[in-house]
Protein backbone atom coordinates (compact mmCIF):
# COMPACT_ATOMS: atom_id res chain seq x y z
CA MET A 1 -51.89 -78.93 26.90
CA LYS A 2 -55.61 -79.00 26.30
CA VAL A 3 -56.85 -78.19 22.67
CA LYS A 4 -60.02 -76.40 22.84
CA SER A 5 -63.12 -77.25 20.30
CA SER A 6 -64.01 -74.92 18.24
CA LYS A 7 -67.59 -73.24 18.36
CA LYS A 8 -68.22 -75.14 14.81
CA GLU A 9 -67.40 -78.30 16.65
CA LEU A 10 -69.49 -78.01 19.58
CA ASN A 11 -72.54 -76.69 17.35
CA PHE A 12 -72.21 -79.79 15.44
CA LYS A 13 -72.01 -82.02 18.53
CA LEU A 14 -74.96 -80.54 20.07
CA ASP A 15 -76.98 -80.97 16.93
CA ASP A 16 -76.11 -84.84 16.39
CA ILE A 17 -77.39 -84.78 20.57
CA LEU A 18 -80.51 -83.17 19.82
CA ASP A 19 -81.12 -85.19 16.52
CA PHE A 20 -80.82 -88.50 18.80
CA PHE A 21 -84.19 -87.55 20.71
CA LYS A 22 -86.21 -86.11 17.67
CA THR A 23 -89.34 -87.83 17.51
CA LYS A 24 -88.73 -89.93 14.12
CA ASP A 25 -91.85 -89.99 12.00
CA VAL A 26 -93.20 -93.59 11.16
CA SER A 27 -95.82 -95.44 9.40
CA MET A 28 -98.60 -96.95 11.84
CA ILE A 29 -97.59 -100.06 9.60
CA GLU A 30 -94.22 -99.83 10.42
CA SER A 31 -95.29 -98.77 14.50
CA LEU A 32 -96.98 -102.57 14.74
CA PRO A 33 -95.52 -105.33 15.70
CA ILE A 34 -97.64 -106.85 12.14
CA LYS A 35 -95.63 -107.96 9.73
CA ARG A 36 -98.40 -108.74 6.88
CA ILE A 37 -102.34 -109.99 6.62
CA LEU A 38 -102.84 -112.83 4.43
CA GLN A 39 -105.90 -112.79 2.05
CA ASN A 40 -108.02 -115.58 4.32
CA GLY A 41 -107.72 -112.57 7.53
CA ILE A 42 -105.05 -114.35 8.75
CA VAL A 43 -101.94 -112.12 10.39
CA VAL A 44 -98.18 -112.34 10.60
CA ASP A 45 -96.51 -110.98 13.23
CA LYS A 46 -92.63 -109.56 13.74
CA LYS A 47 -91.69 -112.30 14.99
CA ASP A 48 -93.43 -114.74 12.19
CA HIS A 49 -96.11 -116.10 14.06
CA TYR A 50 -99.75 -116.19 13.04
CA GLN A 51 -102.98 -114.88 14.78
CA ALA A 52 -106.46 -115.12 13.72
CA PHE A 53 -109.44 -112.58 14.94
CA LEU A 54 -112.81 -114.26 15.40
CA LYS A 55 -116.13 -112.36 15.97
CA VAL A 56 -118.88 -113.79 18.42
CA LYS A 57 -122.28 -113.23 17.78
CA THR A 58 -124.43 -110.27 19.28
CA THR A 59 -126.66 -111.76 21.46
CA ASP A 60 -128.96 -109.51 23.94
CA LEU A 61 -128.48 -111.42 27.00
CA THR A 62 -131.40 -109.88 28.60
CA SER A 63 -133.64 -110.61 25.89
CA LEU A 64 -132.91 -114.48 26.49
CA SER A 65 -135.40 -116.81 28.41
CA SER A 66 -133.84 -118.59 31.40
CA ASP A 67 -132.72 -121.60 29.01
CA ASP A 68 -131.53 -120.01 26.55
CA PHE A 69 -129.64 -117.62 28.99
CA ASN A 70 -127.97 -120.61 30.39
CA ARG A 71 -127.20 -122.53 27.62
CA THR A 72 -125.24 -119.68 26.44
CA VAL A 73 -123.35 -118.96 29.00
CA ASN A 74 -122.55 -122.90 30.14
CA LYS A 75 -120.82 -122.78 25.76
CA PHE A 76 -118.57 -119.97 27.32
CA THR A 77 -118.15 -121.45 29.53
CA TYR A 78 -117.20 -125.13 28.41
CA LEU A 79 -115.08 -123.11 25.76
CA LEU A 80 -112.92 -121.47 28.12
CA ARG A 81 -112.14 -124.79 30.08
CA VAL A 82 -111.40 -126.88 27.08
CA TYR A 83 -109.45 -124.54 24.79
CA THR A 84 -106.35 -124.57 26.03
CA GLU A 85 -104.47 -122.47 23.54
CA PRO A 86 -102.98 -118.94 24.22
CA LEU A 87 -106.61 -117.33 24.06
CA LYS A 88 -107.06 -112.97 23.71
CA ILE A 89 -110.70 -111.54 24.10
CA ILE A 90 -111.09 -108.17 23.71
CA SER A 91 -114.06 -105.66 23.05
CA LEU A 92 -114.28 -102.86 20.69
CA THR A 93 -117.01 -99.79 19.57
CA TYR A 94 -118.11 -99.23 16.48
CA PRO A 95 -121.22 -96.98 15.05
CA THR A 96 -123.87 -99.50 14.68
CA GLU A 97 -124.42 -100.13 10.19
CA VAL A 98 -127.54 -99.63 9.37
CA ARG A 99 -126.40 -98.31 5.12
CA GLU A 100 -128.48 -101.10 3.43
CA GLN A 101 -131.40 -100.30 5.93
CA LEU A 102 -131.55 -96.89 5.35
CA SER A 103 -130.70 -97.60 1.55
CA TYR A 104 -134.10 -99.67 1.36
CA TRP A 105 -136.46 -97.85 3.17
CA LYS A 106 -135.40 -94.34 1.18
CA TYR A 107 -136.57 -96.70 -2.13
CA ARG A 108 -139.76 -97.52 -0.42
CA ILE A 109 -140.33 -94.12 -0.08
CA ASP A 110 -139.19 -92.91 -3.60
CA VAL A 111 -141.26 -95.59 -4.69
CA THR A 112 -144.24 -94.44 -2.46
CA LYS A 113 -144.00 -91.32 -3.93
CA LYS A 114 -144.10 -91.65 -7.58
CA LYS A 115 -146.47 -94.18 -6.79
CA LEU A 116 -149.21 -91.46 -5.31
CA TYR A 117 -148.14 -89.19 -7.98
CA ALA A 118 -149.09 -91.66 -10.72
CA LEU A 119 -152.67 -92.10 -8.48
CA GLU A 120 -153.20 -88.10 -8.96
CA LYS A 121 -153.38 -88.65 -12.70
CA THR A 122 -155.23 -91.70 -12.46
CA ARG A 123 -158.68 -91.52 -13.78
CA GLU A 124 -160.42 -93.93 -11.28
CA TYR A 125 -162.31 -91.95 -9.13
CA GLU A 126 -164.08 -94.25 -7.22
CA THR A 127 -161.11 -96.03 -5.83
CA TYR A 128 -159.04 -92.51 -5.76
CA SER A 129 -159.46 -92.17 -1.84
CA ARG A 130 -159.26 -95.32 -0.86
CA LYS A 131 -156.03 -95.67 -2.47
CA GLU A 132 -154.33 -92.35 -1.80
CA GLU A 133 -155.06 -93.69 1.84
CA TYR A 134 -153.04 -96.66 1.54
CA LEU A 135 -150.30 -95.26 0.06
CA ARG A 136 -150.37 -92.18 2.61
CA ASN A 137 -150.20 -95.24 5.49
CA GLN A 138 -147.68 -96.67 3.60
CA LEU A 139 -145.46 -93.44 3.26
CA THR A 140 -145.41 -92.14 6.71
CA LEU A 141 -144.23 -96.01 7.69
CA ALA A 142 -141.78 -95.83 5.60
CA TYR A 143 -140.69 -92.35 6.86
CA GLU A 144 -140.99 -93.50 10.88
CA ASN A 145 -139.08 -96.96 9.46
CA TYR A 146 -136.31 -94.33 7.71
CA ASN A 147 -135.40 -91.83 10.86
CA ARG A 148 -135.84 -95.02 13.42
CA ILE A 149 -133.18 -96.26 11.95
CA GLY A 150 -131.14 -93.40 11.49
CA TYR A 151 -131.20 -92.56 14.95
CA VAL A 152 -130.23 -96.44 15.89
CA GLY A 153 -126.88 -95.60 13.14
CA THR A 154 -125.54 -92.47 15.71
CA LEU A 155 -125.94 -95.22 18.58
CA LYS A 156 -122.58 -97.44 19.20
CA GLU A 157 -122.38 -100.94 18.85
CA LEU A 158 -120.21 -102.62 21.05
CA THR A 159 -118.43 -105.72 19.98
CA PHE A 160 -116.62 -108.97 21.16
CA LEU A 161 -113.48 -110.61 19.59
CA PHE A 162 -111.56 -113.55 19.93
CA VAL A 163 -107.79 -113.76 18.96
CA VAL A 164 -105.97 -116.89 18.58
CA TYR A 165 -102.43 -117.78 18.37
CA GLY A 166 -100.26 -120.20 16.46
CA LYS A 167 -96.25 -120.79 15.37
CA THR A 168 -97.72 -121.76 11.62
CA GLN A 169 -100.49 -120.58 9.80
CA ALA A 170 -101.89 -124.72 9.38
CA GLU A 171 -101.97 -124.56 13.36
CA VAL A 172 -103.72 -121.17 13.27
CA VAL A 173 -106.12 -122.85 10.81
CA ASN A 174 -106.78 -125.73 13.11
CA ARG A 175 -107.17 -124.14 16.42
CA ILE A 176 -109.59 -121.95 14.76
CA LYS A 177 -112.05 -124.80 13.37
CA ASP A 178 -111.72 -126.38 17.06
CA ILE A 179 -112.36 -122.71 18.85
CA THR A 180 -115.31 -122.45 16.53
CA GLN A 181 -116.66 -125.92 17.37
CA TYR A 182 -115.97 -125.29 20.74
CA GLY A 183 -118.48 -122.08 20.85
CA GLY A 184 -121.54 -123.89 18.97
CA LYS A 185 -124.15 -121.70 17.48
CA GLU A 186 -124.35 -120.09 20.92
CA LEU A 187 -121.23 -118.35 19.92
CA GLY A 188 -121.13 -118.19 16.26
CA LEU A 189 -117.84 -117.74 16.07
CA GLY A 190 -117.02 -116.19 12.06
CA LEU A 191 -113.78 -115.52 11.26
CA LEU A 192 -112.58 -111.41 10.27
CA ASP A 193 -112.03 -111.17 6.75
CA LYS A 194 -108.94 -109.04 5.56
CA GLU A 195 -110.42 -106.13 5.62
CA LYS A 196 -112.15 -106.18 8.59
CA VAL A 197 -108.81 -107.43 10.67
CA THR A 198 -106.88 -104.01 9.05
CA THR A 199 -109.85 -101.83 10.74
CA VAL A 200 -109.36 -103.60 13.61
CA LEU A 201 -106.04 -103.23 13.92
CA THR A 202 -106.00 -99.71 13.43
CA LYS A 203 -108.65 -99.12 15.93
CA LEU A 204 -106.53 -100.95 18.52
CA ASN A 205 -103.29 -98.99 17.58
CA ASN A 206 -104.84 -95.77 16.78
CA MET A 207 -104.13 -93.51 20.04
CA ASN A 208 -106.15 -91.18 18.89
CA GLU A 209 -109.97 -92.88 18.59
CA LYS A 210 -112.31 -91.27 20.96
CA ASP A 211 -114.19 -94.78 21.08
């Protein structure tokens, strides 16, 4: 004998099925395969393995002499040949950081304006014209540099990173020393700190990023 399910029971089962397919809201940290970032910038993943991000020194290869170009390429080739541990190379684009430069030239502009204002009150009439011309030239130069740097800030900077791995923190630290030594001053590898690693991980895993 078949027992008919009530309408209420059918609706309950349907709600369970639909709930199974609903997207669960999770934080970015929970969605990443990362457990934590240590103070020195080394990352611990959810398998308790370790990794570290090292930034490659930015070099304009087209501006190098042939000797410097060959030296840089050979150093990179040497590193890949002698460093046999797991290694990942990633590239990211960032807005060019120019805040310090803009702040400097804004300071120069303000100081020069104050000097011009003070000069207008001076009684050194015989030297006024020469000083005014000098200060106005300095002000023009400061404005030109400020605007030029502001334009540079709108451009994107391409950054390359090496990622090294290890089963323990000590192992990763040793591999950082090795790869830094192999890269030499030509590659200028530097370990990213905790704040910069957080930025990199966010950028790598944020699919809404346009860059």
